[in-house]
Amino acid sequence: MLRALAVDDERPSLEELLYLLGADPRIGSVEGAGDATEALRRINRALESGPHGPEAIDVVFLDINMPGLDGLDLARLLTGFAKPPLVVFVTAHEDFAVQAFDLKAVDYVLKPVRKERLAEAVRRAAERLGSAPRIPVHEPDPDHIPVELGGVTRFVAVDDITHVEAQGDYARLHTDKGSHLVRIPLSTLEDRWRSRGFVRIHRRHLVALRHVGELRLDAGTVSVLVGGEELQVSRRHTRELRDLLMRRP
């Protein structure tokens, strides 16, 4: 299982990369860094820990265009180490591919990142490390969803999610302990979690029936109390929601 570090100064891009890597069964652990300087400190700890130590990193997924020390600068520094981690560049710029491969990069992935293309980069890294034959192939855990929190990927239990809020191409997952932003459309989560008791109540909200505490009717407006928040229910979803709540065990 590969131990990965993702580096990008743009928060949404970093969160997306961490999500995609966390969902790949060949990635055992993944952390994030918001700039090359932070990444270099983390890599130094990994090298001090040794290839089998608890801080070890096998592969760095590295953006190029970053303020201060950029991705190419960091990759050049890594060539000076005896046993540096592998590097996969993940960038919106095509112009640096020659320089990247001169620095012995495993792969050069262009943004916007496609899941299939990133999976190919992971495969190449695993093959380079000689770990491909030992990679377990299985479906991502359906009971948890990977989210980025403080530069580290956590796995949030689906049953702990009270409701989901649409934010453009992203969705914000709400739990009793906080919220997490993931780059998954609300419609995708609606299809994925329908069988787990999630239902659409509004174009912006998906709720878990198990966490609905109250259904309120006030002057023709319907709302639900879920996770300590009162959420409006659109007229088109009111009847379905009421029927589902009445049948709820």
C-alpha atoms as a PDB file:
ATOM      1  CA  MET A   1       0.000   0.000   0.000  1.00  0.00           C
ATOM      2  CA  LEU A   2       1.504   3.316  -1.085  1.00  0.00           C
ATOM      3  CA  ARG A   3       2.028   6.151   1.386  1.00  0.00           C
ATOM      4  CA  ALA A   4       1.370   9.435  -0.417  1.00  0.00           C
ATOM      5  CA  LEU A   5       1.796  13.170   0.066  1.00  0.00           C
ATOM      6  CA  ALA A   6      -0.266  15.607  -2.039  1.00  0.00           C
ATOM      7  CA  VAL A   7       1.034  19.168  -2.457  1.00  0.00           C
ATOM      8  CA  ASP A   8      -1.007  22.072  -3.851  1.00  0.00           C
ATOM      9  CA  ASP A   9      -1.415  25.676  -2.720  1.00  0.00           C
ATOM     10  CA  GLU A  10      -5.020  25.869  -3.991  1.00  0.00           C
ATOM     11  CA  ARG A  11      -7.280  24.422  -1.319  1.00  0.00           C
ATOM     12  CA  PRO A  12     -10.053  23.054  -3.583  1.00  0.00           C
ATOM     13  CA  SER A  13      -7.486  21.350  -5.826  1.00  0.00           C
ATOM     14  CA  LEU A  14      -5.749  19.830  -2.811  1.00  0.00           C
ATOM     15  CA  GLU A  15      -9.020  18.545  -1.371  1.00  0.00           C
ATOM     16  CA  GLU A  16      -9.999  17.003  -4.687  1.00  0.00           C
ATOM     17  CA  LEU A  17      -6.615  15.310  -5.057  1.00  0.00           C
ATOM     18  CA  LEU A  18      -6.739  13.985  -1.505  1.00  0.00           C
ATOM     19  CA  TYR A  19     -10.241  12.642  -2.091  1.00  0.00           C
ATOM     20  CA  LEU A  20      -9.297  10.839  -5.308  1.00  0.00           C
ATOM     21  CA  LEU A  21      -6.134   9.383  -3.805  1.00  0.00           C
ATOM     22  CA  GLY A  22      -7.932   8.324  -0.639  1.00  0.00           C
ATOM     23  CA  ALA A  23     -10.493   6.452  -2.729  1.00  0.00           C
ATOM     24  CA  ASP A  24      -7.820   4.475  -4.600  1.00  0.00           C
ATOM     25  CA  PRO A  25      -7.402   1.024  -2.970  1.00  0.00           C
ATOM     26  CA  ARG A  26      -3.666   1.085  -3.686  1.00  0.00           C
ATOM     27  CA  ILE A  27      -3.123   4.143  -1.476  1.00  0.00           C
ATOM     28  CA  GLY A  28      -2.668   3.113   2.135  1.00  0.00           C
ATOM     29  CA  SER A  29      -2.392   6.639   3.552  1.00  0.00           C
ATOM     30  CA  VAL A  30      -2.371  10.159   2.148  1.00  0.00           C
ATOM     31  CA  GLU A  31      -1.540  13.545   3.654  1.00  0.00           C
ATOM     32  CA  GLY A  32      -1.718  17.048   2.238  1.00  0.00           C
ATOM     33  CA  ALA A  33       0.566  20.084   2.239  1.00  0.00           C
ATOM     34  CA  GLY A  34      -0.386  23.602   1.160  1.00  0.00           C
ATOM     35  CA  ASP A  35       2.997  24.620  -0.225  1.00  0.00           C
ATOM     36  CA  ALA A  36       6.391  23.199  -1.171  1.00  0.00           C
ATOM     37  CA  THR A  37       8.106  24.411   2.007  1.00  0.00           C
ATOM     38  CA  GLU A  38       5.628  22.564   4.203  1.00  0.00           C
ATOM     39  CA  ALA A  39       6.012  19.510   1.963  1.00  0.00           C
ATOM     40  CA  LEU A  40       9.807  19.636   2.267  1.00  0.00           C
ATOM     41  CA  ARG A  41       9.584  19.629   6.063  1.00  0.00           C
ATOM     42  CA  ARG A  42       7.242  16.627   5.913  1.00  0.00           C
ATOM     43  CA  ILE A  43       9.549  14.789   3.474  1.00  0.00           C
ATOM     44  CA  ASN A  44      12.543  15.456   5.725  1.00  0.00           C
ATOM     45  CA  ARG A  45      10.699  13.763   8.585  1.00  0.00           C
ATOM     46  CA  ALA A  46       9.928  10.854   6.284  1.00  0.00           C
ATOM     47  CA  LEU A  47      13.557  10.447   5.269  1.00  0.00           C
ATOM     48  CA  GLU A  48      14.680  10.612   8.903  1.00  0.00           C
ATOM     49  CA  SER A  49      12.107   7.940   9.743  1.00  0.00           C
ATOM     50  CA  GLY A  50      13.512   5.601   7.081  1.00  0.00           C
ATOM     51  CA  PRO A  51      11.715   3.674   4.310  1.00  0.00           C
ATOM     52  CA  HIS A  52       9.886   1.441   6.803  1.00  0.00           C
ATOM     53  CA  GLY A  53       9.330   4.035   9.518  1.00  0.00           C
ATOM     54  CA  PRO A  54       5.963   5.440  10.615  1.00  0.00           C
ATOM     55  CA  GLU A  55       6.625   8.760   8.841  1.00  0.00           C
ATOM     56  CA  ALA A  56       7.696   7.235   5.506  1.00  0.00           C
ATOM     57  CA  ILE A  57       6.394   8.571   2.182  1.00  0.00           C
ATOM     58  CA  ASP A  58       6.560   6.567  -1.034  1.00  0.00           C
ATOM     59  CA  VAL A  59       5.278   9.079  -3.585  1.00  0.00           C
ATOM     60  CA  VAL A  60       4.610  12.826  -3.761  1.00  0.00           C
ATOM     61  CA  PHE A  61       1.807  14.177  -5.991  1.00  0.00           C
ATOM     62  CA  LEU A  62       3.130  17.656  -6.680  1.00  0.00           C
ATOM     63  CA  ASP A  63       1.703  20.822  -8.194  1.00  0.00           C
ATOM     64  CA  ILE A  64       4.174  23.014 -10.108  1.00  0.00           C
ATOM     65  CA  ASN A  65       2.919  26.600 -10.002  1.00  0.00           C
ATOM     66  CA  MET A  66       3.140  27.585  -6.311  1.00  0.00           C
ATOM     67  CA  PRO A  67       4.340  30.773  -4.622  1.00  0.00           C
ATOM     68  CA  GLY A  68       7.874  30.771  -3.273  1.00  0.00           C
ATOM     69  CA  LEU A  69       9.442  27.360  -3.730  1.00  0.00           C
ATOM     70  CA  ASP A  70       7.603  25.794  -6.686  1.00  0.00           C
ATOM     71  CA  GLY A  71       7.118  22.139  -7.563  1.00  0.00           C
ATOM     72  CA  LEU A  72      10.103  21.913  -9.909  1.00  0.00           C
ATOM     73  CA  ASP A  73      12.350  23.489  -7.255  1.00  0.00           C
ATOM     74  CA  LEU A  74      11.184  20.914  -4.710  1.00  0.00           C
ATOM     75  CA  ALA A  75      11.738  18.048  -7.160  1.00  0.00           C
ATOM     76  CA  ARG A  76      15.297  19.293  -7.832  1.00  0.00           C
ATOM     77  CA  LEU A  77      15.993  19.353  -4.096  1.00  0.00           C
ATOM     78  CA  LEU A  78      14.751  15.789  -3.772  1.00  0.00           C
ATOM     79  CA  THR A  79      17.255  14.565  -6.352  1.00  0.00           C
ATOM     80  CA  GLY A  80      19.963  15.395  -3.831  1.00  0.00           C
ATOM     81  CA  PHE A  81      18.691  12.858  -1.325  1.00  0.00           C
ATOM     82  CA  ALA A  82      19.938   9.270  -1.303  1.00  0.00           C
ATOM     83  CA  LYS A  83      16.466   7.666  -1.329  1.00  0.00           C
ATOM     84  CA  PRO A  84      13.832  10.315  -2.101  1.00  0.00           C
ATOM     85  CA  PRO A  85      10.165   9.523  -2.642  1.00  0.00           C
ATOM     86  CA  LEU A  86       8.852   9.200  -6.174  1.00  0.00           C
ATOM     87  CA  VAL A  87       7.311  12.308  -7.769  1.00  0.00           C
ATOM     88  CA  VAL A  88       4.136  12.599  -9.836  1.00  0.00           C
ATOM     89  CA  PHE A  89       3.456  16.111 -11.114  1.00  0.00           C
ATOM     90  CA  VAL A  90      -0.179  17.241 -11.064  1.00  0.00           C
ATOM     91  CA  THR A  91      -0.492  20.583 -12.832  1.00  0.00           C
ATOM     92  CA  ALA A  92      -2.602  22.769 -15.107  1.00  0.00           C
ATOM     93  CA  HIS A  93       0.446  23.632 -17.238  1.00  0.00           C
ATOM     94  CA  GLU A  94       1.671  21.526 -20.156  1.00  0.00           C
ATOM     95  CA  ASP A  95       4.886  23.502 -20.654  1.00  0.00           C
ATOM     96  CA  PHE A  96       7.002  21.853 -17.972  1.00  0.00           C
ATOM     97  CA  ALA A  97       6.674  18.202 -18.995  1.00  0.00           C
ATOM     98  CA  VAL A  98      10.211  17.960 -20.419  1.00  0.00           C
ATOM     99  CA  GLN A  99      11.731  19.425 -17.261  1.00  0.00           C
ATOM    100  CA  ALA A 100       9.590  17.149 -15.125  1.00  0.00           C
ATOM    101  CA  PHE A 101      10.765  13.973 -16.829  1.00  0.00           C
ATOM    102  CA  ASP A 102      14.365  15.234 -16.735  1.00  0.00           C
ATOM    103  CA  LEU A 103      13.884  15.176 -12.970  1.00  0.00           C
ATOM    104  CA  LYS A 104      12.848  11.492 -13.193  1.00  0.00           C
ATOM    105  CA  ALA A 105       9.162  12.105 -12.523  1.00  0.00           C
ATOM    106  CA  VAL A 106       7.025   8.992 -12.606  1.00  0.00           C
ATOM    107  CA  ASP A 107       4.163  10.753 -14.383  1.00  0.00           C
ATOM    108  CA  TYR A 108       2.785  14.137 -15.434  1.00  0.00           C
ATOM    109  CA  VAL A 109      -0.963  14.523 -14.833  1.00  0.00           C
ATOM    110  CA  LEU A 110      -2.829  17.534 -16.191  1.00  0.00           C
ATOM    111  CA  LYS A 111      -5.650  19.316 -14.394  1.00  0.00           C
ATOM    112  CA  PRO A 112      -8.576  19.019 -14.226  1.00  0.00           C
ATOM    113  CA  VAL A 113      -7.657  15.657 -12.776  1.00  0.00           C
ATOM    114  CA  ARG A 114      -9.623  12.676 -14.042  1.00  0.00           C
ATOM    115  CA  LYS A 115     -10.008   9.693 -11.748  1.00  0.00           C
ATOM    116  CA  GLU A 116      -8.868   7.245 -14.447  1.00  0.00           C
ATOM    117  CA  ARG A 117      -5.782   9.298 -15.298  1.00  0.00           C
ATOM    118  CA  LEU A 118      -4.739   9.613 -11.673  1.00  0.00           C
ATOM    119  CA  ALA A 119      -5.250   5.872 -11.197  1.00  0.00           C
ATOM    120  CA  GLU A 120      -2.784   5.290 -14.023  1.00  0.00           C
ATOM    121  CA  ALA A 121      -0.215   7.492 -12.255  1.00  0.00           C
ATOM    122  CA  VAL A 122      -0.724   5.491  -9.055  1.00  0.00           C
ATOM    123  CA  ARG A 123      -0.225   2.273 -11.021  1.00  0.00           C
ATOM    124  CA  ARG A 124       3.051   3.555 -12.454  1.00  0.00           C
ATOM    125  CA  ALA A 125       4.292   4.574  -9.024  1.00  0.00           C
ATOM    126  CA  ALA A 126       3.381   1.175  -7.575  1.00  0.00           C
ATOM    127  CA  GLU A 127       5.122  -0.557 -10.485  1.00  0.00           C
ATOM    128  CA  ARG A 128       8.240   1.581 -10.019  1.00  0.00           C
ATOM    129  CA  LEU A 129       8.357   0.595  -6.365  1.00  0.00           C
ATOM    130  CA  GLY A 130       7.844  -3.058  -7.228  1.00  0.00           C
ATOM    131  CA  SER A 131       4.693  -3.226  -5.128  1.00  0.00           C
ATOM    132  CA  ALA A 132       2.131  -3.816  -7.880  1.00  0.00           C
ATOM    133  CA  PRO A 133       1.787  -7.617  -7.358  1.00  0.00           C
ATOM    134  CA  ARG A 134       0.918  -7.057  -3.707  1.00  0.00           C
ATOM    135  CA  ILE A 135      -1.779  -4.441  -4.283  1.00  0.00           C
ATOM    136  CA  PRO A 136      -5.182  -5.586  -3.020  1.00  0.00           C
ATOM    137  CA  VAL A 137      -7.989  -4.743  -5.407  1.00  0.00           C
ATOM    138  CA  HIS A 138     -11.313  -3.996  -3.759  1.00  0.00           C
ATOM    139  CA  GLU A 139     -14.126  -1.496  -3.857  1.00  0.00           C
ATOM    140  CA  PRO A 140     -13.870   1.647  -1.712  1.00  0.00           C
ATOM    141  CA  ASP A 141     -15.455   1.258   1.733  1.00  0.00           C
ATOM    142  CA  PRO A 142     -19.181   2.039   1.254  1.00  0.00           C
ATOM    143  CA  ASP A 143     -19.600   2.840   4.965  1.00  0.00           C
ATOM    144  CA  HIS A 144     -17.093   5.709   4.970  1.00  0.00           C
ATOM    145  CA  ILE A 145     -16.182   8.655   2.761  1.00  0.00           C
ATOM    146  CA  PRO A 146     -12.661  10.150   2.654  1.00  0.00           C
ATOM    147  CA  VAL A 147     -12.425  13.852   3.511  1.00  0.00           C
ATOM    148  CA  GLU A 148      -9.464  16.187   3.923  1.00  0.00           C
ATOM    149  CA  LEU A 149      -9.021  17.720   7.362  1.00  0.00           C
ATOM    150  CA  GLY A 150      -5.983  19.764   8.328  1.00  0.00           C
ATOM    151  CA  GLY A 151      -3.837  18.263   5.593  1.00  0.00           C
ATOM    152  CA  VAL A 152      -4.714  14.680   6.543  1.00  0.00           C
ATOM    153  CA  THR A 153      -7.342  12.436   4.975  1.00  0.00           C
ATOM    154  CA  ARG A 154      -9.938  11.179   7.450  1.00  0.00           C
ATOM    155  CA  PHE A 155     -12.677   8.652   6.789  1.00  0.00           C
ATOM    156  CA  VAL A 156     -16.090   9.879   7.944  1.00  0.00           C
ATOM    157  CA  ALA A 157     -18.757   7.285   8.679  1.00  0.00           C
ATOM    158  CA  VAL A 158     -21.773   7.770   6.414  1.00  0.00           C
ATOM    159  CA  ASP A 159     -24.068   7.000   9.344  1.00  0.00           C
ATOM    160  CA  ASP A 160     -22.668  10.059  11.183  1.00  0.00           C
ATOM    161  CA  ILE A 161     -23.675  12.448   8.385  1.00  0.00           C
ATOM    162  CA  THR A 162     -26.844  14.336   9.289  1.00  0.00           C
ATOM    163  CA  HIS A 163     -27.305  16.235   6.034  1.00  0.00           C
ATOM    164  CA  VAL A 164     -25.508  17.344   2.888  1.00  0.00           C
ATOM    165  CA  GLU A 165     -25.489  20.830   1.386  1.00  0.00           C
ATOM    166  CA  ALA A 166     -24.818  21.557  -2.288  1.00  0.00           C
ATOM    167  CA  GLN A 167     -22.075  24.097  -3.012  1.00  0.00           C
ATOM    168  CA  GLY A 168     -21.658  24.174  -6.792  1.00  0.00           C
ATOM    169  CA  ASP A 169     -19.704  21.124  -7.939  1.00  0.00           C
ATOM    170  CA  TYR A 170     -18.908  20.411  -4.287  1.00  0.00           C
ATOM    171  CA  ALA A 171     -20.958  19.086  -1.396  1.00  0.00           C
ATOM    172  CA  ARG A 172     -20.610  19.939   2.278  1.00  0.00           C
ATOM    173  CA  LEU A 173     -21.114  16.987   4.605  1.00  0.00           C
ATOM    174  CA  HIS A 174     -22.521  17.933   8.007  1.00  0.00           C
ATOM    175  CA  THR A 175     -22.020  15.852  11.145  1.00  0.00           C
ATOM    176  CA  ASP A 176     -22.519  16.583  14.849  1.00  0.00           C
ATOM    177  CA  LYS A 177     -18.779  17.310  15.090  1.00  0.00           C
ATOM    178  CA  GLY A 178     -18.416  19.656  12.110  1.00  0.00           C
ATOM    179  CA  SER A 179     -18.569  19.797   8.334  1.00  0.00           C
ATOM    180  CA  HIS A 180     -16.362  18.653   5.441  1.00  0.00           C
ATOM    181  CA  LEU A 181     -16.206  19.801   1.824  1.00  0.00           C
ATOM    182  CA  VAL A 182     -15.839  17.160  -0.898  1.00  0.00           C
ATOM    183  CA  ARG A 183     -15.839  17.511  -4.663  1.00  0.00           C
ATOM    184  CA  ILE A 184     -18.858  15.353  -5.379  1.00  0.00           C
ATOM    185  CA  PRO A 185     -22.137  16.727  -6.795  1.00  0.00           C
ATOM    186  CA  LEU A 186     -25.160  16.438  -4.543  1.00  0.00           C
ATOM    187  CA  SER A 187     -26.961  14.389  -7.218  1.00  0.00           C
ATOM    188  CA  THR A 188     -24.195  11.767  -7.098  1.00  0.00           C
ATOM    189  CA  LEU A 189     -24.481  11.410  -3.331  1.00  0.00           C
ATOM    190  CA  GLU A 190     -28.263  11.244  -3.638  1.00  0.00           C
ATOM    191  CA  ASP A 191     -27.981   8.228  -5.963  1.00  0.00           C
ATOM    192  CA  ARG A 192     -25.215   6.625  -3.926  1.00  0.00           C
ATOM    193  CA  TRP A 193     -26.875   6.973  -0.521  1.00  0.00           C
ATOM    194  CA  ARG A 194     -30.575   6.591  -1.341  1.00  0.00           C
ATOM    195  CA  SER A 195     -30.517   3.017  -0.016  1.00  0.00           C
ATOM    196  CA  ARG A 196     -28.911   4.276   3.211  1.00  0.00           C
ATOM    197  CA  GLY A 197     -31.887   6.501   4.058  1.00  0.00           C
ATOM    198  CA  PHE A 198     -30.840   9.810   2.515  1.00  0.00           C
ATOM    199  CA  VAL A 199     -33.545  11.790   0.775  1.00  0.00           C
ATOM    200  CA  ARG A 200     -33.595  15.067  -1.169  1.00  0.00           C
ATOM    201  CA  ILE A 201     -35.702  17.770   0.514  1.00  0.00           C
ATOM    202  CA  HIS A 202     -34.570  20.759  -1.542  1.00  0.00           C
ATOM    203  CA  ARG A 203     -32.358  21.461  -4.527  1.00  0.00           C
ATOM    204  CA  ARG A 204     -29.620  22.350  -2.036  1.00  0.00           C
ATOM    205  CA  HIS A 205     -30.144  19.759   0.682  1.00  0.00           C
ATOM    206  CA  LEU A 206     -30.040  16.015   1.218  1.00  0.00           C
ATOM    207  CA  VAL A 207     -30.923  14.715   4.684  1.00  0.00           C
ATOM    208  CA  ALA A 208     -30.485  11.432   6.533  1.00  0.00           C
ATOM    209  CA  LEU A 209     -33.920  10.304   7.710  1.00  0.00           C
ATOM    210  CA  ARG A 210     -32.435   8.785  10.850  1.00  0.00           C
ATOM    211  CA  HIS A 211     -31.281  12.235  11.968  1.00  0.00           C
ATOM    212  CA  VAL A 212     -34.546  14.098  11.342  1.00  0.00           C
ATOM    213  CA  GLY A 213     -35.881  15.179  14.746  1.00  0.00           C
ATOM    214  CA  GLU A 214     -38.944  17.191  13.768  1.00  0.00           C
ATOM    215  CA  LEU A 215     -41.138  18.001  10.788  1.00  0.00           C
ATOM    216  CA  ARG A 216     -42.541  21.515  11.111  1.00  0.00           C
ATOM    217  CA  LEU A 217     -45.432  23.257   9.323  1.00  0.00           C
ATOM    218  CA  ASP A 218     -45.712  27.018   9.695  1.00  0.00           C
ATOM    219  CA  ALA A 219     -47.997  29.162   7.527  1.00  0.00           C
ATOM    220  CA  GLY A 220     -47.716  26.760   4.625  1.00  0.00           C
ATOM    221  CA  THR A 221     -43.931  26.438   4.908  1.00  0.00           C
ATOM    222  CA  VAL A 222     -42.517  22.994   5.731  1.00  0.00           C
ATOM    223  CA  SER A 223     -39.151  22.502   7.387  1.00  0.00           C
ATOM    224  CA  VAL A 224     -37.254  19.777   9.246  1.00  0.00           C
ATOM    225  CA  LEU A 225     -34.987  19.893  12.266  1.00  0.00           C
ATOM    226  CA  VAL A 226     -31.865  17.882  11.566  1.00  0.00           C
ATOM    227  CA  GLY A 227     -28.471  18.004  13.209  1.00  0.00           C
ATOM    228  CA  GLY A 228     -29.515  21.056  15.210  1.00  0.00           C
ATOM    229  CA  GLU A 229     -30.424  23.010  12.046  1.00  0.00           C
ATOM    230  CA  GLU A 230     -33.805  23.893  10.606  1.00  0.00           C
ATOM    231  CA  LEU A 231     -33.885  23.227   6.859  1.00  0.00           C
ATOM    232  CA  GLN A 232     -36.611  24.241   4.458  1.00  0.00           C
ATOM    233  CA  VAL A 233     -38.408  21.531   2.496  1.00  0.00           C
ATOM    234  CA  SER A 234     -39.438  22.432  -1.024  1.00  0.00           C
ATOM    235  CA  ARG A 235     -43.065  21.879  -1.989  1.00  0.00           C
ATOM    236  CA  ARG A 236     -42.238  19.177  -4.555  1.00  0.00           C
ATOM    237  CA  HIS A 237     -40.443  17.070  -1.928  1.00  0.00           C
ATOM    238  CA  THR A 238     -42.838  17.570   0.990  1.00  0.00           C
ATOM    239  CA  ARG A 239     -45.204  14.651   0.369  1.00  0.00           C
ATOM    240  CA  GLU A 240     -42.421  12.112  -0.261  1.00  0.00           C
ATOM    241  CA  LEU A 241     -40.564  13.210   2.850  1.00  0.00           C
ATOM    242  CA  ARG A 242     -43.673  13.024   5.018  1.00  0.00           C
ATOM    243  CA  ASP A 243     -44.478   9.525   3.737  1.00  0.00           C
ATOM    244  CA  LEU A 244     -40.935   8.324   4.352  1.00  0.00           C
ATOM    245  CA  LEU A 245     -40.899   9.738   7.883  1.00  0.00           C
ATOM    246  CA  MET A 246     -44.241   8.096   8.680  1.00  0.00           C
ATOM    247  CA  ARG A 247     -42.874   4.727   7.559  1.00  0.00           C
ATOM    248  CA  ARG A 248     -39.605   5.178   9.402  1.00  0.00           C
ATOM    249  CA  PRO A 249     -39.099   2.555  12.137  1.00  0.00           C
END
